[in-house]
Amino acid sequence: MELHQIENNLNSSDPQNRIKAITELRHYEPDLVVPLLKGRMYDQEFVIR
């Protein structure tokens, strides 16, 4: 999955899409991943946090 698709899925209303996006982040460098993960720290879904 490309980075722009991951960003879109992280902002999806569907928790399953957000989980898939987080899983896909393992293929990217930490300097790209950490800011995206920080944005999900307060997600309403416990599984995402």
Protein backbone atom coordinates (compact mmCIF):
# COMPACT_ATOMS: atom_id res chain seq x y z
CA MET A 1 0.00 0.00 0.00
CA GLU A 2 1.34 3.44 -0.86
CA LEU A 3 1.79 6.13 1.75
CA HIS A 4 -1.07 8.33 0.50
CA GLN A 5 -3.42 5.32 0.68
CA ILE A 6 -2.26 4.64 4.24
CA GLU A 7 -2.93 8.25 5.21
CA ASN A 8 -6.43 8.05 3.71
CA ASN A 9 -7.14 4.79 5.57
CA LEU A 10 -5.86 6.24 8.84
CA ASN A 11 -8.53 8.94 8.49
CA SER A 12 -11.26 6.49 7.54
CA SER A 13 -14.38 6.17 9.68
CA ASP A 14 -14.02 2.37 9.44
CA PRO A 15 -11.77 0.99 12.23
CA GLN A 16 -10.79 -1.98 10.04
CA ASN A 17 -9.29 0.39 7.47
CA ARG A 18 -7.34 2.18 10.19
CA ILE A 19 -5.96 -1.12 11.52
CA LYS A 20 -4.90 -2.18 8.02
CA ALA A 21 -3.16 1.15 7.52
CA ILE A 22 -1.29 0.84 10.81
CA THR A 23 -0.18 -2.65 9.86
CA GLU A 24 1.12 -1.41 6.51
CA LEU A 25 3.26 1.24 8.21
CA ARG A 26 5.78 -1.47 9.09
CA HIS A 27 7.13 -1.17 5.54
CA TYR A 28 8.17 2.46 6.00
CA GLU A 29 10.93 4.29 7.82
CA PRO A 30 10.30 5.50 11.38
CA ASP A 31 10.67 9.17 10.45
CA LEU A 32 7.57 8.81 8.23
CA VAL A 33 5.65 6.48 10.52
CA VAL A 34 5.92 8.16 13.92
CA PRO A 35 4.03 11.36 13.01
CA LEU A 36 1.22 9.30 11.50
CA LEU A 37 0.99 7.09 14.57
CA LYS A 38 0.99 10.08 16.91
CA GLY A 39 -2.13 11.30 15.13
CA ARG A 40 -3.93 8.11 16.19
CA MET A 41 -2.98 8.26 19.88
CA TYR A 42 -6.43 9.51 20.83
CA ASP A 43 -8.49 7.39 18.45
CA GLN A 44 -11.94 6.53 19.79
CA GLU A 45 -11.30 2.82 19.14
CA PHE A 46 -9.18 1.15 21.81
CA VAL A 47 -7.67 -1.29 19.31
CA ILE A 48 -6.30 1.57 17.24
CA ARG A 49 -4.65 3.36 20.16
